[in-house]
Amino acid sequence: MVEQIGADNHHCGDLVGPRNVTLLFLPSYSPELNPKENLWDEIREKIFKNYALKSMDAVQAKLRQAILYIERNPKRVQSVTSFPYIVRSL
């Protein structure tokens, strides 16, 4: 039996891909491969820090606040999500 790493819903034992595609293991936390991880860290730090929200309405209000933060701070978003290899590839 092969050891499974990560959440069950991140795996598919019956997946058959095209022969010309190679699937690579992506570590569970790899912000340099998945820049949105850094954006979520920024949102957690600036918007959701140490909050225990009491309702889904409160969660939605905080998410709206996070969206506004992202929209109003494009340079900050760029600074936490732009790795040199990504910028060079555009």
N, C-alpha and C. Protein backbone atom coordinates (compact mmCIF):
# COMPACT_ATOMS: atom_id res chain seq x y z
N MET A 1 0.84 -1.18 0.00
CA MET A 1 0.00 0.00 0.00
C MET A 1 0.89 1.24 0.00
N VAL A 2 0.56 2.22 -0.83
CA VAL A 2 1.32 3.46 -0.92
C VAL A 2 0.84 4.42 0.15
N GLU A 3 1.80 5.04 0.86
CA GLU A 3 1.43 6.00 1.89
C GLU A 3 0.84 7.25 1.25
N GLN A 4 -0.29 7.66 1.75
CA GLN A 4 -0.96 8.85 1.22
C GLN A 4 -0.63 10.04 2.10
N ILE A 5 -0.20 11.12 1.48
CA ILE A 5 0.13 12.35 2.20
C ILE A 5 -0.90 13.39 1.83
N GLY A 6 -1.40 14.11 2.83
CA GLY A 6 -2.36 15.18 2.56
C GLY A 6 -3.79 14.72 2.78
N ALA A 7 -4.70 15.62 2.56
CA ALA A 7 -6.12 15.35 2.78
C ALA A 7 -6.64 14.34 1.76
N ASP A 8 -7.61 13.53 2.20
CA ASP A 8 -8.19 12.51 1.32
C ASP A 8 -8.78 13.11 0.06
N ASN A 9 -9.41 14.29 0.19
CA ASN A 9 -10.05 14.88 -0.98
C ASN A 9 -9.05 15.48 -1.97
N HIS A 10 -7.77 15.39 -1.68
CA HIS A 10 -6.74 15.87 -2.60
C HIS A 10 -6.13 14.73 -3.41
N HIS A 11 -6.73 13.57 -3.33
CA HIS A 11 -6.17 12.39 -3.99
C HIS A 11 -7.22 11.68 -4.82
N CYS A 12 -6.74 11.03 -5.86
CA CYS A 12 -7.62 10.22 -6.69
C CYS A 12 -6.82 9.00 -7.14
N GLY A 13 -7.16 7.88 -6.61
CA GLY A 13 -6.41 6.67 -6.93
C GLY A 13 -6.63 6.17 -8.34
N ASP A 14 -7.75 6.53 -8.97
CA ASP A 14 -8.10 6.02 -10.29
C ASP A 14 -7.81 7.01 -11.41
N LEU A 15 -7.09 8.08 -11.13
CA LEU A 15 -6.83 9.09 -12.14
C LEU A 15 -5.87 8.56 -13.20
N VAL A 16 -6.30 8.69 -14.44
CA VAL A 16 -5.45 8.32 -15.57
C VAL A 16 -5.32 9.56 -16.44
N GLY A 17 -4.09 10.04 -16.57
CA GLY A 17 -3.86 11.25 -17.36
C GLY A 17 -3.23 10.91 -18.69
N PRO A 18 -3.14 11.91 -19.56
CA PRO A 18 -2.49 11.70 -20.85
C PRO A 18 -1.03 11.29 -20.68
N ARG A 19 -0.51 10.55 -21.60
CA ARG A 19 0.88 10.07 -21.51
C ARG A 19 1.89 11.21 -21.54
N ASN A 20 1.53 12.33 -22.14
CA ASN A 20 2.48 13.44 -22.25
C ASN A 20 2.39 14.43 -21.07
N VAL A 21 1.66 14.06 -20.03
CA VAL A 21 1.53 14.91 -18.83
C VAL A 21 2.11 14.16 -17.64
N THR A 22 2.98 14.84 -16.91
CA THR A 22 3.56 14.25 -15.70
C THR A 22 3.00 14.99 -14.49
N LEU A 23 2.40 14.26 -13.58
CA LEU A 23 1.89 14.86 -12.35
C LEU A 23 3.01 14.92 -11.33
N LEU A 24 3.15 16.06 -10.68
CA LEU A 24 4.19 16.24 -9.67
C LEU A 24 3.55 16.45 -8.31
N PHE A 25 4.19 15.93 -7.29
CA PHE A 25 3.74 16.12 -5.92
C PHE A 25 3.93 17.58 -5.53
N LEU A 26 2.90 18.19 -4.98
CA LEU A 26 2.97 19.56 -4.50
C LEU A 26 2.87 19.51 -2.98
N PRO A 27 3.89 19.96 -2.27
CA PRO A 27 3.84 19.93 -0.80
C PRO A 27 2.63 20.67 -0.27
N SER A 28 2.18 20.30 0.93
CA SER A 28 0.98 20.90 1.49
C SER A 28 1.12 22.40 1.69
N TYR A 29 2.28 22.88 2.02
CA TYR A 29 2.50 24.32 2.15
C TYR A 29 3.68 24.68 1.28
N SER A 30 3.41 25.32 0.17
CA SER A 30 4.47 25.68 -0.76
C SER A 30 4.14 27.01 -1.41
N PRO A 31 4.27 28.11 -0.67
CA PRO A 31 3.87 29.42 -1.21
C PRO A 31 4.64 29.83 -2.45
N GLU A 32 5.86 29.33 -2.62
CA GLU A 32 6.61 29.68 -3.82
C GLU A 32 6.04 28.99 -5.06
N LEU A 33 5.25 27.95 -4.87
CA LEU A 33 4.60 27.27 -5.98
C LEU A 33 3.12 27.66 -6.09
N ASN A 34 2.60 28.25 -5.04
CA ASN A 34 1.18 28.60 -4.99
C ASN A 34 1.06 29.96 -4.30
N PRO A 35 1.29 31.05 -5.03
CA PRO A 35 1.38 32.39 -4.44
C PRO A 35 0.15 32.83 -3.66
N LYS A 36 -1.01 32.22 -3.94
CA LYS A 36 -2.19 32.65 -3.18
C LYS A 36 -2.06 32.31 -1.70
N GLU A 37 -1.17 31.36 -1.35
CA GLU A 37 -0.93 31.07 0.07
C GLU A 37 -0.48 32.33 0.80
N ASN A 38 0.40 33.10 0.18
CA ASN A 38 0.88 34.34 0.81
C ASN A 38 -0.24 35.37 0.90
N LEU A 39 -1.11 35.40 -0.09
CA LEU A 39 -2.23 36.33 -0.05
C LEU A 39 -3.18 35.97 1.09
N TRP A 40 -3.45 34.68 1.26
CA TRP A 40 -4.30 34.26 2.38
C TRP A 40 -3.65 34.61 3.72
N ASP A 41 -2.35 34.44 3.82
CA ASP A 41 -1.65 34.84 5.06
C ASP A 41 -1.83 36.32 5.33
N GLU A 42 -1.72 37.13 4.30
CA GLU A 42 -1.91 38.58 4.42
C GLU A 42 -3.33 38.90 4.89
N ILE A 43 -4.32 38.24 4.30
CA ILE A 43 -5.71 38.47 4.68
C ILE A 43 -5.96 38.03 6.12
N ARG A 44 -5.41 36.87 6.50
CA ARG A 44 -5.58 36.41 7.89
C ARG A 44 -4.97 37.40 8.87
N GLU A 45 -3.79 37.92 8.53
CA GLU A 45 -3.09 38.84 9.42
C GLU A 45 -3.81 40.19 9.53
N LYS A 46 -4.28 40.71 8.40
CA LYS A 46 -4.85 42.06 8.38
C LYS A 46 -6.35 42.09 8.68
N ILE A 47 -7.08 41.07 8.29
CA ILE A 47 -8.54 41.12 8.36
C ILE A 47 -9.12 40.16 9.41
N PHE A 48 -8.61 38.94 9.46
CA PHE A 48 -9.20 37.91 10.32
C PHE A 48 -8.44 37.66 11.62
N LYS A 49 -7.47 38.48 11.96
CA LYS A 49 -6.61 38.15 13.10
C LYS A 49 -7.40 38.04 14.41
N ASN A 50 -7.26 36.91 15.04
CA ASN A 50 -7.81 36.64 16.37
C ASN A 50 -9.29 36.94 16.51
N TYR A 51 -10.06 36.69 15.47
CA TYR A 51 -11.51 36.88 15.55
C TYR A 51 -12.20 35.54 15.71
N ALA A 52 -13.19 35.50 16.58
CA ALA A 52 -14.09 34.36 16.68
C ALA A 52 -15.45 34.88 16.21
N LEU A 53 -15.75 34.66 14.97
CA LEU A 53 -16.97 35.20 14.39
C LEU A 53 -18.16 34.34 14.80
N LYS A 54 -19.26 35.01 15.11
CA LYS A 54 -20.40 34.32 15.71
C LYS A 54 -21.46 33.87 14.73
N SER A 55 -21.33 34.27 13.46
CA SER A 55 -22.35 33.88 12.49
C SER A 55 -21.75 33.88 11.09
N MET A 56 -22.46 33.24 10.17
CA MET A 56 -22.03 33.25 8.78
C MET A 56 -22.12 34.66 8.20
N ASP A 57 -23.08 35.45 8.67
CA ASP A 57 -23.16 36.84 8.22
C ASP A 57 -21.90 37.60 8.60
N ALA A 58 -21.38 37.34 9.79
CA ALA A 58 -20.14 37.99 10.23
C ALA A 58 -18.96 37.54 9.38
N VAL A 59 -18.93 36.26 9.03
CA VAL A 59 -17.86 35.74 8.16
C VAL A 59 -17.96 36.41 6.79
N GLN A 60 -19.16 36.50 6.25
CA GLN A 60 -19.33 37.14 4.93
C GLN A 60 -18.93 38.61 4.98
N ALA A 61 -19.24 39.29 6.07
CA ALA A 61 -18.84 40.70 6.19
C ALA A 61 -17.32 40.83 6.21
N LYS A 62 -16.64 39.92 6.93
CA LYS A 62 -15.18 39.94 6.96
C LYS A 62 -14.60 39.61 5.59
N LEU A 63 -15.22 38.69 4.87
CA LEU A 63 -14.74 38.36 3.52
C LEU A 63 -14.90 39.55 2.58
N ARG A 64 -16.01 40.28 2.71
CA ARG A 64 -16.18 41.50 1.91
C ARG A 64 -15.09 42.51 2.24
N GLN A 65 -14.79 42.61 3.52
CA GLN A 65 -13.71 43.51 3.96
C GLN A 65 -12.37 43.07 3.34
N ALA A 66 -12.14 41.77 3.28
CA ALA A 66 -10.90 41.24 2.69
C ALA A 66 -10.84 41.56 1.20
N ILE A 67 -11.96 41.42 0.50
CA ILE A 67 -11.99 41.73 -0.93
C ILE A 67 -11.66 43.20 -1.15
N LEU A 68 -12.24 44.07 -0.34
CA LEU A 68 -11.95 45.51 -0.45
C LEU A 68 -10.48 45.78 -0.17
N TYR A 69 -9.92 45.09 0.82
CA TYR A 69 -8.49 45.25 1.14
C TYR A 69 -7.64 44.90 -0.08
N ILE A 70 -7.96 43.79 -0.72
CA ILE A 70 -7.21 43.36 -1.91
C ILE A 70 -7.36 44.38 -3.04
N GLU A 71 -8.59 44.83 -3.26
CA GLU A 71 -8.82 45.79 -4.34
C GLU A 71 -8.10 47.11 -4.10
N ARG A 72 -8.01 47.54 -2.85
CA ARG A 72 -7.45 48.84 -2.52
C ARG A 72 -5.94 48.82 -2.31
N ASN A 73 -5.34 47.65 -2.30
CA ASN A 73 -3.90 47.52 -2.05
C ASN A 73 -3.21 46.67 -3.11
N PRO A 74 -3.32 47.05 -4.38
CA PRO A 74 -2.73 46.20 -5.43
C PRO A 74 -1.22 46.04 -5.31
N LYS A 75 -0.53 47.06 -4.85
CA LYS A 75 0.93 46.95 -4.71
C LYS A 75 1.29 45.94 -3.62
N ARG A 76 0.53 45.91 -2.54
CA ARG A 76 0.78 44.94 -1.48
C ARG A 76 0.50 43.53 -1.98
N VAL A 77 -0.59 43.37 -2.71
CA VAL A 77 -0.92 42.06 -3.28
C VAL A 77 0.20 41.61 -4.20
N GLN A 78 0.67 42.51 -5.04
CA GLN A 78 1.77 42.18 -5.95
C GLN A 78 3.02 41.79 -5.16
N SER A 79 3.30 42.49 -4.08
CA SER A 79 4.53 42.21 -3.34
C SER A 79 4.51 40.85 -2.65
N VAL A 80 3.33 40.38 -2.24
CA VAL A 80 3.27 39.08 -1.56
C VAL A 80 3.02 37.91 -2.49
N THR A 81 2.68 38.19 -3.75
CA THR A 81 2.40 37.09 -4.68
C THR A 81 3.36 37.01 -5.86
N SER A 82 4.20 38.00 -6.04
CA SER A 82 5.09 38.01 -7.21
C SER A 82 6.46 37.44 -6.88
N PHE A 83 6.70 36.28 -7.40
CA PHE A 83 8.02 35.70 -7.30
C PHE A 83 8.72 35.98 -8.63
N PRO A 84 10.03 36.18 -8.62
CA PRO A 84 10.73 36.54 -9.86
C PRO A 84 10.45 35.60 -11.03
N TYR A 85 10.36 34.30 -10.78
CA TYR A 85 10.13 33.36 -11.88
C TYR A 85 8.73 33.52 -12.45
N ILE A 86 7.77 33.96 -11.64
CA ILE A 86 6.42 34.18 -12.15
C ILE A 86 6.41 35.44 -13.02
N VAL A 87 7.01 36.49 -12.53
CA VAL A 87 7.05 37.74 -13.27
C VAL A 87 7.76 37.55 -14.61
N ARG A 88 8.87 36.79 -14.62
CA ARG A 88 9.60 36.55 -15.87
C ARG A 88 8.78 35.74 -16.87
N SER A 89 7.86 34.92 -16.38
CA SER A 89 7.10 34.05 -17.28
C SER A 89 5.93 34.76 -17.94
N LEU A 90 5.60 35.94 -17.49
CA LEU A 90 4.42 36.64 -18.05
C LEU A 90 4.71 37.29 -19.36
